[in-house]
Amino acid sequence: MSRTRARHGLGALPARRIVGRRRGAPGLARAAFVAVLGLLWIAEAHAAPAPPEVMMRLEMTRGPGAEACPDETFLRTEVARRFGADPFQDDAPQVLKVSIAREGPELTAAMTLRDPEGETR
């Protein structure tokens, strides 16, 4: 039995070999990580978002101090771009109320979704 095996237990490999094997492990882990990121990026790029299933009416208000925030037209356009379809209809039974206001040094936003009976969802 060699000195290295005796010192590290039965079946232990010499330190030189262990270090040599570990040297390649970070490179393999990094390559696997990059490959997974690449696959996720490709999947996200090709996955079309599902069109919205629920139609709603949009009511947006900008309070004092929030006049520079994007308006309702901008919000509608961005939501439609993100989902691939516009979920807002002026005659929809559900109402999404969005309000943006300045509270001290911060801007705050609130959203409320109400069903046709007026209940918050």
C-alpha atoms as a PDB file:
ATOM      1  CA  MET A   1       0.000   0.000   0.000  1.00  0.00           C
ATOM      2  CA  SER A   2       1.363   3.396  -0.908  1.00  0.00           C
ATOM      3  CA  ARG A   3       1.971   6.063   1.620  1.00  0.00           C
ATOM      4  CA  THR A   4      -0.752   8.332   0.218  1.00  0.00           C
ATOM      5  CA  ARG A   5      -3.412   5.630   0.346  1.00  0.00           C
ATOM      6  CA  ALA A   6      -2.505   4.711   3.879  1.00  0.00           C
ATOM      7  CA  ARG A   7      -2.587   8.305   5.021  1.00  0.00           C
ATOM      8  CA  HIS A   8      -6.006   9.030   3.443  1.00  0.00           C
ATOM      9  CA  GLY A   9      -7.645   5.681   4.033  1.00  0.00           C
ATOM     10  CA  LEU A  10      -8.138   2.581   1.955  1.00  0.00           C
ATOM     11  CA  GLY A  11      -8.787   3.355  -1.700  1.00  0.00           C
ATOM     12  CA  ALA A  12      -7.793   7.016  -1.403  1.00  0.00           C
ATOM     13  CA  LEU A  13      -6.117   8.562  -4.415  1.00  0.00           C
ATOM     14  CA  PRO A  14      -2.888  10.502  -4.176  1.00  0.00           C
ATOM     15  CA  ALA A  15      -3.389  14.246  -3.700  1.00  0.00           C
ATOM     16  CA  ARG A  16      -1.839  14.952  -7.079  1.00  0.00           C
ATOM     17  CA  ARG A  17      -4.585  13.007  -8.860  1.00  0.00           C
ATOM     18  CA  ILE A  18      -7.426  14.538  -6.849  1.00  0.00           C
ATOM     19  CA  VAL A  19      -6.238  18.051  -7.591  1.00  0.00           C
ATOM     20  CA  GLY A  20      -5.905  17.136 -11.255  1.00  0.00           C
ATOM     21  CA  ARG A  21      -9.497  15.907 -11.368  1.00  0.00           C
ATOM     22  CA  ARG A  22     -10.904  18.899  -9.551  1.00  0.00           C
ATOM     23  CA  ARG A  23      -9.185  21.316 -11.859  1.00  0.00           C
ATOM     24  CA  GLY A  24     -11.542  20.329 -14.698  1.00  0.00           C
ATOM     25  CA  ALA A  25     -14.744  20.326 -12.595  1.00  0.00           C
ATOM     26  CA  PRO A  26     -15.242  24.116 -12.466  1.00  0.00           C
ATOM     27  CA  GLY A  27     -14.808  24.294 -16.229  1.00  0.00           C
ATOM     28  CA  LEU A  28     -17.467  21.612 -16.735  1.00  0.00           C
ATOM     29  CA  ALA A  29     -19.818  23.281 -14.265  1.00  0.00           C
ATOM     30  CA  ARG A  30     -19.344  26.624 -15.976  1.00  0.00           C
ATOM     31  CA  ALA A  31     -19.962  25.085 -19.403  1.00  0.00           C
ATOM     32  CA  ALA A  32     -23.129  23.361 -18.134  1.00  0.00           C
ATOM     33  CA  PHE A  33     -24.335  26.607 -16.578  1.00  0.00           C
ATOM     34  CA  VAL A  34     -23.760  28.528 -19.818  1.00  0.00           C
ATOM     35  CA  ALA A  35     -25.541  25.798 -21.792  1.00  0.00           C
ATOM     36  CA  VAL A  36     -28.572  25.892 -19.472  1.00  0.00           C
ATOM     37  CA  LEU A  37     -28.724  29.684 -19.714  1.00  0.00           C
ATOM     38  CA  GLY A  38     -28.552  29.443 -23.495  1.00  0.00           C
ATOM     39  CA  LEU A  39     -31.387  26.907 -23.614  1.00  0.00           C
ATOM     40  CA  LEU A  40     -33.536  29.042 -21.302  1.00  0.00           C
ATOM     41  CA  TRP A  41     -32.884  32.114 -23.439  1.00  0.00           C
ATOM     42  CA  ILE A  42     -33.833  30.243 -26.623  1.00  0.00           C
ATOM     43  CA  ALA A  43     -36.979  28.811 -24.999  1.00  0.00           C
ATOM     44  CA  GLU A  44     -38.043  32.244 -23.771  1.00  0.00           C
ATOM     45  CA  ALA A  45     -37.367  33.827 -27.152  1.00  0.00           C
ATOM     46  CA  HIS A  46     -39.540  31.254 -28.952  1.00  0.00           C
ATOM     47  CA  ALA A  47     -42.313  30.896 -26.385  1.00  0.00           C
ATOM     48  CA  ALA A  48     -45.296  32.985 -27.364  1.00  0.00           C
ATOM     49  CA  PRO A  49     -47.191  34.288 -24.372  1.00  0.00           C
ATOM     50  CA  ALA A  50     -50.709  32.966 -24.041  1.00  0.00           C
ATOM     51  CA  PRO A  51     -53.370  35.458 -25.010  1.00  0.00           C
ATOM     52  CA  PRO A  52     -55.334  36.801 -22.055  1.00  0.00           C
ATOM     53  CA  GLU A  53     -58.353  34.708 -21.141  1.00  0.00           C
ATOM     54  CA  VAL A  54     -60.187  37.393 -19.185  1.00  0.00           C
ATOM     55  CA  MET A  55     -61.283  40.695 -20.677  1.00  0.00           C
ATOM     56  CA  MET A  56     -61.470  43.740 -18.441  1.00  0.00           C
ATOM     57  CA  ARG A  57     -62.076  47.444 -18.553  1.00  0.00           C
ATOM     58  CA  LEU A  58     -59.106  49.633 -17.630  1.00  0.00           C
ATOM     59  CA  GLU A  59     -59.541  52.723 -15.488  1.00  0.00           C
ATOM     60  CA  MET A  60     -56.300  54.552 -14.745  1.00  0.00           C
ATOM     61  CA  THR A  61     -55.719  57.669 -12.694  1.00  0.00           C
ATOM     62  CA  ARG A  62     -52.552  59.638 -12.057  1.00  0.00           C
ATOM     63  CA  GLY A  63     -52.688  61.629  -8.872  1.00  0.00           C
ATOM     64  CA  PRO A  64     -50.841  64.824  -7.955  1.00  0.00           C
ATOM     65  CA  GLY A  65     -47.108  64.446  -8.479  1.00  0.00           C
ATOM     66  CA  ALA A  66     -47.538  61.540 -10.909  1.00  0.00           C
ATOM     67  CA  GLU A  67     -48.292  63.574 -14.017  1.00  0.00           C
ATOM     68  CA  ALA A  68     -44.998  62.539 -15.628  1.00  0.00           C
ATOM     69  CA  CYS A  69     -45.801  58.821 -15.295  1.00  0.00           C
ATOM     70  CA  PRO A  70     -46.911  56.906 -18.407  1.00  0.00           C
ATOM     71  CA  ASP A  71     -50.588  57.298 -19.262  1.00  0.00           C
ATOM     72  CA  GLU A  72     -53.366  54.790 -19.943  1.00  0.00           C
ATOM     73  CA  THR A  73     -52.521  54.547 -23.652  1.00  0.00           C
ATOM     74  CA  PHE A  74     -48.942  53.599 -22.829  1.00  0.00           C
ATOM     75  CA  LEU A  75     -50.090  50.986 -20.298  1.00  0.00           C
ATOM     76  CA  ARG A  76     -52.535  49.444 -22.788  1.00  0.00           C
ATOM     77  CA  THR A  77     -49.865  49.294 -25.489  1.00  0.00           C
ATOM     78  CA  GLU A  78     -47.270  47.691 -23.232  1.00  0.00           C
ATOM     79  CA  VAL A  79     -49.684  45.100 -21.824  1.00  0.00           C
ATOM     80  CA  ALA A  80     -50.819  44.169 -25.344  1.00  0.00           C
ATOM     81  CA  ARG A  81     -47.190  43.913 -26.485  1.00  0.00           C
ATOM     82  CA  ARG A  82     -46.262  41.704 -23.542  1.00  0.00           C
ATOM     83  CA  PHE A  83     -49.254  39.347 -23.819  1.00  0.00           C
ATOM     84  CA  GLY A  84     -49.643  39.381 -27.580  1.00  0.00           C
ATOM     85  CA  ALA A  85     -53.229  40.647 -27.348  1.00  0.00           C
ATOM     86  CA  ASP A  86     -55.080  43.503 -25.713  1.00  0.00           C
ATOM     87  CA  PRO A  87     -57.020  42.266 -22.639  1.00  0.00           C
ATOM     88  CA  PHE A  88     -58.853  45.584 -22.253  1.00  0.00           C
ATOM     89  CA  GLN A  89     -62.328  46.294 -23.631  1.00  0.00           C
ATOM     90  CA  ASP A  90     -64.405  49.343 -22.793  1.00  0.00           C
ATOM     91  CA  ASP A  91     -67.563  47.243 -22.266  1.00  0.00           C
ATOM     92  CA  ALA A  92     -65.990  44.374 -20.249  1.00  0.00           C
ATOM     93  CA  PRO A  93     -67.781  43.403 -17.024  1.00  0.00           C
ATOM     94  CA  GLN A  94     -64.604  43.289 -14.921  1.00  0.00           C
ATOM     95  CA  VAL A  95     -62.809  46.518 -14.049  1.00  0.00           C
ATOM     96  CA  LEU A  96     -59.094  46.943 -13.405  1.00  0.00           C
ATOM     97  CA  LYS A  97     -58.474  50.210 -11.549  1.00  0.00           C
ATOM     98  CA  VAL A  98     -54.912  51.475 -11.567  1.00  0.00           C
ATOM     99  CA  SER A  99     -53.841  54.548  -9.652  1.00  0.00           C
ATOM    100  CA  ILE A 100     -50.433  56.169  -9.371  1.00  0.00           C
ATOM    101  CA  ALA A 101     -49.750  58.915  -6.844  1.00  0.00           C
ATOM    102  CA  ARG A 102     -46.876  60.588  -5.061  1.00  0.00           C
ATOM    103  CA  GLU A 103     -46.649  59.877  -1.347  1.00  0.00           C
ATOM    104  CA  GLY A 104     -43.835  61.931   0.083  1.00  0.00           C
ATOM    105  CA  PRO A 105     -40.685  61.273  -1.910  1.00  0.00           C
ATOM    106  CA  GLU A 106     -42.038  58.069  -3.484  1.00  0.00           C
ATOM    107  CA  LEU A 107     -44.461  57.188  -6.242  1.00  0.00           C
ATOM    108  CA  THR A 108     -46.900  54.448  -5.331  1.00  0.00           C
ATOM    109  CA  ALA A 109     -49.179  52.402  -7.550  1.00  0.00           C
ATOM    110  CA  ALA A 110     -52.285  50.461  -6.618  1.00  0.00           C
ATOM    111  CA  MET A 111     -54.308  48.020  -8.692  1.00  0.00           C
ATOM    112  CA  THR A 112     -57.751  46.643  -7.930  1.00  0.00           C
ATOM    113  CA  LEU A 113     -59.650  44.087 -10.006  1.00  0.00           C
ATOM    114  CA  ARG A 114     -63.395  44.019  -9.453  1.00  0.00           C
ATOM    115  CA  ASP A 115     -65.855  41.491 -10.847  1.00  0.00           C
ATOM    116  CA  PRO A 116     -69.268  42.457 -12.312  1.00  0.00           C
ATOM    117  CA  GLU A 117     -70.808  42.376  -8.814  1.00  0.00           C
ATOM    118  CA  GLY A 118     -68.209  44.873  -7.536  1.00  0.00           C
ATOM    119  CA  GLU A 119     -66.318  42.336  -5.437  1.00  0.00           C
ATOM    120  CA  THR A 120     -62.549  42.653  -5.269  1.00  0.00           C
ATOM    121  CA  ARG A 121     -60.756  39.740  -6.855  1.00  0.00           C
END
